[in-house]
Amino acid sequence: MSYLDRIRACNGWNPADFMPFVVDGEPVGRVRPGFSEHLRHWPEVFRVQAGALGLHPSLTGFERRTQAVQQVMEHLVEQGPVSHLHGERFPVTASGREQAKFLVDRATAAYFGIRAFGQHLNGVVRKGGEWHMWVGLRSSSRRVFPGHLDHLVAGGLPWGISLEENLHKECYEEASIPAELARRAVPVGVVTYCKDAERGLKPDVLYCYDLALPEDFQPVCRDGEVEAFSLWPLDQVMERVRETDDFKPNCSLVIVDFLVRHGLMDPESPDYLEIVTGLHPPLP
């Protein structure tokens, strides 16, 4: 295995397996034809024609679209094609969050293949001149990747909250990081990936942060999503990312990005160019 394998694992999909989801004449997502067939039962909301999914032309306005699509998703949960609803809303957009055309429940984002946004924080400690990184063990009851290794703080970025506010909220809920310490987190860029997943397509954007923590800091999870935290030497983190599938896949991307940014991987490293470019593929 290699770091490049981690990137490839998060980037694999065949455009022929999906049809565009178009709103206001602009592609905002990709859906599987099988899922679009379920949506035909609501012709007053969705239209499937000419190999594309769209909204009914009369369905205009941010709130009206949001409400109509939400009602359909609630029916599909009852009927079975949609597994569940999360309760958080994600923007439907072809670019930034600010250009949202309407909102969908977070759990349905992949069904529509819309661009989803998240935040991942590398919690690091310098001990004896060496990097160490906090690693979380995801709860065995998690719906997605139970029992996998994770970042100290990582989560989705729902609608209606700023990046800073959401990061501070996640820091407190997931690791008991107080606001005065969370404010020291440094935004260091983004990682993107696009993957054919169980529910549909995941073209995701992860905002990345580094947070240097004091040696005596001890994270405590408040929301039950993490079973335990461990502070590992970075060499141990690197080996687990490179040689195993133990980390949640998108966490591996953010860690590899950390290695590149801090010179722990250089142009002489194997697959360096493919790795650096592979961390930022253009999204459909």
Protein backbone atom coordinates (compact mmCIF):
# COMPACT_ATOMS: atom_id res chain seq x y z
CA MET A 1 0.00 0.00 0.00
CA SER A 2 1.00 3.64 -0.35
CA TYR A 3 -0.18 7.19 0.24
CA LEU A 4 -1.23 7.29 -3.40
CA ASP A 5 -3.51 4.30 -2.74
CA ARG A 6 -5.30 6.39 -0.09
CA ILE A 7 -5.96 9.11 -2.66
CA ARG A 8 -7.15 6.65 -5.28
CA ALA A 9 -9.51 5.04 -2.77
CA CYS A 10 -11.32 8.39 -2.43
CA ASN A 11 -11.39 9.18 -6.14
CA GLY A 12 -13.14 6.71 -8.35
CA TRP A 13 -16.35 7.11 -10.31
CA ASN A 14 -17.68 6.55 -13.81
CA PRO A 15 -19.64 9.48 -15.31
CA ALA A 16 -21.63 6.99 -17.40
CA ASP A 17 -23.17 5.63 -14.18
CA PHE A 18 -24.77 8.97 -13.33
CA MET A 19 -27.04 11.57 -14.90
CA PRO A 20 -26.77 15.31 -14.27
CA PHE A 21 -28.98 17.06 -11.75
CA VAL A 22 -29.71 20.46 -13.24
CA VAL A 23 -31.27 23.47 -11.51
CA ASP A 24 -31.78 26.83 -13.23
CA GLY A 25 -29.91 25.48 -16.25
CA GLU A 26 -26.81 24.71 -14.16
CA PRO A 27 -25.56 21.22 -13.19
CA VAL A 28 -25.45 21.01 -9.41
CA GLY A 29 -25.08 17.25 -8.90
CA ARG A 30 -25.14 13.75 -10.36
CA VAL A 31 -27.72 11.03 -9.63
CA ARG A 32 -27.94 7.36 -10.41
CA PRO A 33 -30.70 6.58 -12.91
CA GLY A 34 -32.21 4.14 -10.43
CA PHE A 35 -32.68 6.87 -7.84
CA SER A 36 -34.19 9.22 -10.41
CA GLU A 37 -36.86 6.59 -11.11
CA HIS A 38 -38.09 6.90 -7.52
CA LEU A 39 -38.41 10.67 -8.02
CA ARG A 40 -40.74 10.23 -11.02
CA HIS A 41 -43.54 9.61 -8.53
CA TRP A 42 -43.45 13.33 -7.65
CA PRO A 43 -43.78 15.04 -11.06
CA GLU A 44 -44.84 18.28 -9.38
CA VAL A 45 -41.34 18.45 -7.82
CA PHE A 46 -38.95 16.53 -10.10
CA ARG A 47 -38.66 16.06 -13.85
CA VAL A 48 -36.64 13.30 -15.46
CA GLN A 49 -36.13 13.91 -19.15
CA ALA A 50 -33.39 13.95 -21.81
CA GLY A 51 -31.08 11.99 -19.55
CA ALA A 52 -31.14 14.57 -16.78
CA LEU A 53 -32.91 15.22 -13.48
CA GLY A 54 -34.34 18.65 -12.82
CA LEU A 55 -36.89 20.47 -10.71
CA HIS A 56 -40.32 21.31 -12.05
CA PRO A 57 -40.10 24.74 -13.75
CA SER A 58 -42.85 26.13 -11.54
CA LEU A 59 -40.88 25.29 -8.42
CA THR A 60 -39.01 28.52 -7.80
CA GLY A 61 -37.63 30.21 -4.72
CA PHE A 62 -35.16 29.02 -2.10
CA GLU A 63 -37.63 28.13 0.65
CA ARG A 64 -40.22 26.59 -1.64
CA ARG A 65 -37.70 24.28 -3.28
CA THR A 66 -36.20 23.31 0.07
CA GLN A 67 -39.58 22.41 1.52
CA ALA A 68 -40.76 20.47 -1.53
CA VAL A 69 -37.63 18.35 -1.79
CA GLN A 70 -37.60 17.73 1.96
CA GLN A 71 -41.16 16.37 1.82
CA VAL A 72 -40.21 13.96 -0.97
CA MET A 73 -37.19 12.74 0.99
CA GLU A 74 -39.36 12.10 4.05
CA HIS A 75 -41.63 9.92 1.92
CA LEU A 76 -38.63 8.02 0.49
CA VAL A 77 -37.37 7.31 4.00
CA GLU A 78 -40.75 5.80 4.85
CA GLN A 79 -40.73 3.74 1.64
CA GLY A 80 -37.11 2.58 1.93
CA PRO A 81 -35.09 4.02 -0.99
CA VAL A 82 -33.53 6.61 1.35
CA SER A 83 -31.96 5.17 4.49
CA HIS A 84 -32.53 8.02 6.95
CA LEU A 85 -32.46 11.77 7.47
CA HIS A 86 -29.74 13.48 9.50
CA GLY A 87 -31.44 16.71 10.52
CA GLU A 88 -28.72 19.06 9.23
CA ARG A 89 -29.17 20.95 5.96
CA PHE A 90 -26.55 21.17 3.22
CA PRO A 91 -26.57 23.72 0.37
CA VAL A 92 -27.22 22.63 -3.22
CA THR A 93 -24.60 24.54 -5.19
CA ALA A 94 -22.29 24.18 -8.16
CA SER A 95 -19.66 26.43 -6.56
CA GLY A 96 -19.46 27.94 -3.06
CA ARG A 97 -21.87 27.59 -0.16
CA GLU A 98 -23.03 31.17 -0.67
CA GLN A 99 -24.49 30.34 -4.11
CA ALA A 100 -26.97 27.77 -2.76
CA LYS A 101 -30.14 27.27 -4.80
CA PHE A 102 -31.92 25.38 -2.01
CA LEU A 103 -31.12 22.98 0.84
CA VAL A 104 -31.26 19.21 1.28
CA ASP A 105 -30.84 17.03 4.33
CA ARG A 106 -27.21 16.08 4.87
CA ALA A 107 -27.99 12.35 4.65
CA THR A 108 -29.40 12.78 1.14
CA ALA A 109 -26.50 14.79 -0.31
CA ALA A 110 -24.85 11.75 -1.92
CA TYR A 111 -28.13 10.56 -3.46
CA PHE A 112 -28.17 13.82 -5.41
CA GLY A 113 -24.40 13.88 -5.89
CA ILE A 114 -24.20 17.47 -4.69
CA ARG A 115 -21.06 19.15 -3.43
CA ALA A 116 -20.75 18.66 0.33
CA PHE A 117 -18.52 20.64 2.69
CA GLY A 118 -16.72 19.60 5.87
CA GLN A 119 -13.97 20.62 8.27
CA HIS A 120 -11.04 18.52 9.54
CA LEU A 121 -8.59 19.59 12.22
CA ASN A 122 -5.12 18.14 12.77
CA GLY A 123 -4.58 18.33 16.53
CA VAL A 124 -0.81 18.20 17.02
CA VAL A 125 1.68 18.41 19.86
CA ARG A 126 5.44 19.02 19.70
CA LYS A 127 7.21 16.78 22.21
CA GLY A 128 10.97 16.56 22.31
CA GLY A 129 11.13 18.36 18.98
CA GLU A 130 8.98 15.68 17.30
CA TRP A 131 5.44 15.90 15.93
CA HIS A 132 2.68 13.95 17.65
CA MET A 133 -0.93 13.84 16.48
CA TRP A 134 -4.15 13.18 18.37
CA VAL A 135 -6.12 10.27 16.88
CA GLY A 136 -9.73 9.44 17.67
CA LEU A 137 -11.36 6.01 17.61
CA ARG A 138 -14.84 6.30 16.14
CA SER A 139 -17.65 4.79 18.16
CA SER A 140 -18.72 1.29 17.14
CA SER A 141 -22.29 2.60 16.97
CA ARG A 142 -21.54 5.15 14.24
CA ARG A 143 -23.55 4.67 11.04
CA VAL A 144 -20.54 5.47 8.84
CA PHE A 145 -17.11 3.83 9.33
CA PRO A 146 -17.70 2.54 12.89
CA GLY A 147 -14.53 1.66 14.76
CA HIS A 148 -12.24 3.46 12.33
CA LEU A 149 -9.55 5.96 13.26
CA ASP A 150 -10.39 9.63 12.86
CA HIS A 151 -9.12 13.15 13.41
CA LEU A 152 -9.30 14.90 16.75
CA VAL A 153 -12.06 17.06 15.28
CA ALA A 154 -13.91 16.51 12.01
CA GLY A 155 -17.44 17.12 10.83
CA GLY A 156 -19.81 18.37 8.20
CA LEU A 157 -20.43 22.04 7.56
CA PRO A 158 -24.18 22.67 7.60
CA TRP A 159 -26.05 25.65 6.24
CA GLY A 160 -26.57 28.75 8.32
CA ILE A 161 -23.34 28.77 10.31
CA SER A 162 -19.94 30.25 9.53
CA LEU A 163 -16.82 28.15 9.19
CA GLU A 164 -15.36 29.64 12.36
CA GLU A 165 -18.51 29.11 14.41
CA ASN A 166 -18.92 25.53 13.20
CA LEU A 167 -15.28 24.69 13.88
CA HIS A 168 -15.50 26.01 17.44
CA LYS A 169 -18.74 24.09 18.00
CA GLU A 170 -17.21 20.85 16.70
CA CYS A 171 -14.06 21.41 18.78
CA TYR A 172 -16.11 21.66 21.95
CA GLU A 173 -18.55 18.81 21.19
CA GLU A 174 -16.01 16.33 19.87
CA ALA A 175 -12.94 17.00 22.00
CA SER A 176 -13.83 19.56 24.73
CA ILE A 177 -11.48 22.12 23.21
CA PRO A 178 -12.41 25.50 24.74
CA ALA A 179 -13.10 28.45 22.46
CA GLU A 180 -9.95 30.34 23.48
CA LEU A 181 -7.86 27.37 22.37
CA ALA A 182 -9.94 26.61 19.27
CA ARG A 183 -9.35 30.18 18.07
CA ARG A 184 -5.69 29.27 17.58
CA ALA A 185 -6.57 26.81 14.82
CA VAL A 186 -4.87 27.84 11.57
CA PRO A 187 -6.79 27.41 8.28
CA VAL A 188 -4.34 25.74 5.90
CA GLY A 189 -6.34 25.09 2.72
CA VAL A 190 -8.74 22.53 1.30
CA VAL A 191 -8.70 18.94 0.10
CA THR A 192 -11.19 17.73 -2.51
CA TYR A 193 -12.24 14.29 -3.70
CA CYS A 194 -15.03 12.62 -5.68
CA LYS A 195 -16.09 9.04 -5.00
CA ASP A 196 -18.77 6.60 -6.11
CA ALA A 197 -20.30 5.64 -2.76
CA GLU A 198 -23.06 3.37 -1.51
CA ARG A 199 -25.70 6.10 -1.58
CA GLY A 200 -24.53 7.86 -4.74
CA LEU A 201 -21.75 10.29 -5.58
CA LYS A 202 -19.63 12.22 -3.08
CA PRO A 203 -17.89 15.30 -4.55
CA ASP A 204 -16.62 16.71 -1.26
CA VAL A 205 -14.68 19.75 -0.09
CA LEU A 206 -12.80 19.56 3.22
CA TYR A 207 -11.53 22.75 4.85
CA CYS A 208 -8.32 21.82 6.71
CA TYR A 209 -6.90 23.27 9.93
CA ASP A 210 -3.82 22.75 12.10
CA LEU A 211 -4.05 23.31 15.85
CA ALA A 212 -0.95 23.13 18.04
CA LEU A 213 -2.02 21.91 21.48
CA PRO A 214 -0.21 22.03 24.83
CA GLU A 215 1.35 18.80 26.07
CA ASP A 216 -1.03 18.62 29.04
CA PHE A 217 -4.20 18.91 26.96
CA GLN A 218 -6.46 15.85 27.21
CA PRO A 219 -9.43 15.65 24.80
CA VAL A 220 -12.80 14.43 26.06
CA CYS A 221 -15.64 13.59 23.68
CA ARG A 222 -18.99 15.10 24.64
CA ASP A 223 -21.26 13.85 21.84
CA GLY A 224 -20.55 10.11 22.02
CA GLU A 225 -19.11 9.88 18.52
CA VAL A 226 -15.58 8.93 19.68
CA GLU A 227 -14.76 6.05 22.03
CA ALA A 228 -11.19 7.06 22.85
CA PHE A 229 -8.35 9.43 21.96
CA SER A 230 -4.66 8.60 21.68
CA LEU A 231 -1.63 10.82 21.12
CA TRP A 232 0.61 9.09 18.58
CA PRO A 233 4.07 9.93 17.29
CA LEU A 234 3.65 11.10 13.72
CA ASP A 235 5.70 8.16 12.44
CA GLN A 236 3.02 5.84 13.82
CA VAL A 237 0.25 7.87 12.19
CA MET A 238 2.11 7.83 8.88
CA GLU A 239 2.54 4.06 8.99
CA ARG A 240 -1.13 3.39 9.74
CA VAL A 241 -2.22 5.70 6.91
CA ARG A 242 0.26 4.21 4.46
CA GLU A 243 -0.05 0.52 5.33
CA THR A 244 -3.63 -0.03 6.54
CA ASP A 245 -7.25 0.93 5.97
CA ASP A 246 -7.73 1.78 9.65
CA PHE A 247 -8.35 5.50 9.15
CA LYS A 248 -11.63 6.84 7.81
CA PRO A 249 -10.69 7.36 4.13
CA ASN A 250 -11.06 11.13 3.90
CA CYS A 251 -9.00 11.56 7.10
CA SER A 252 -6.09 9.92 5.28
CA LEU A 253 -6.24 12.65 2.64
CA VAL A 254 -6.03 15.43 5.23
CA ILE A 255 -3.12 13.72 6.99
CA VAL A 256 -1.24 13.27 3.71
CA ASP A 257 -1.83 16.97 3.02
CA PHE A 258 -0.30 17.72 6.44
CA LEU A 259 2.78 15.67 5.53
CA VAL A 260 3.22 17.56 2.27
CA ARG A 261 2.77 20.98 3.84
CA HIS A 262 5.25 20.33 6.64
CA GLY A 263 7.95 18.87 4.43
CA LEU A 264 7.57 15.33 5.74
CA MET A 265 7.09 14.32 2.14
CA ASP A 266 9.24 16.02 -0.50
CA PRO A 267 9.61 16.01 -4.31
CA GLU A 268 11.96 13.01 -4.02
CA SER A 269 9.28 10.94 -2.28
CA PRO A 270 7.55 8.21 -4.31
CA ASP A 271 4.52 9.43 -6.31
CA TYR A 272 5.00 12.97 -4.98
CA LEU A 273 3.54 14.80 -7.99
CA GLU A 274 0.53 12.47 -8.28
CA ILE A 275 -0.09 12.80 -4.56
CA VAL A 276 0.02 16.60 -4.49
CA THR A 277 -2.25 16.99 -7.52
CA GLY A 278 -4.47 14.13 -6.34
CA LEU A 279 -5.34 16.00 -3.16
CA HIS A 280 -7.06 18.72 -5.20
CA PRO A 281 -8.92 17.18 -8.16
CA PRO A 282 -11.50 19.42 -9.85
CA LEU A 283 -15.02 18.49 -8.79
CA PRO A 284 -17.75 17.75 -11.35
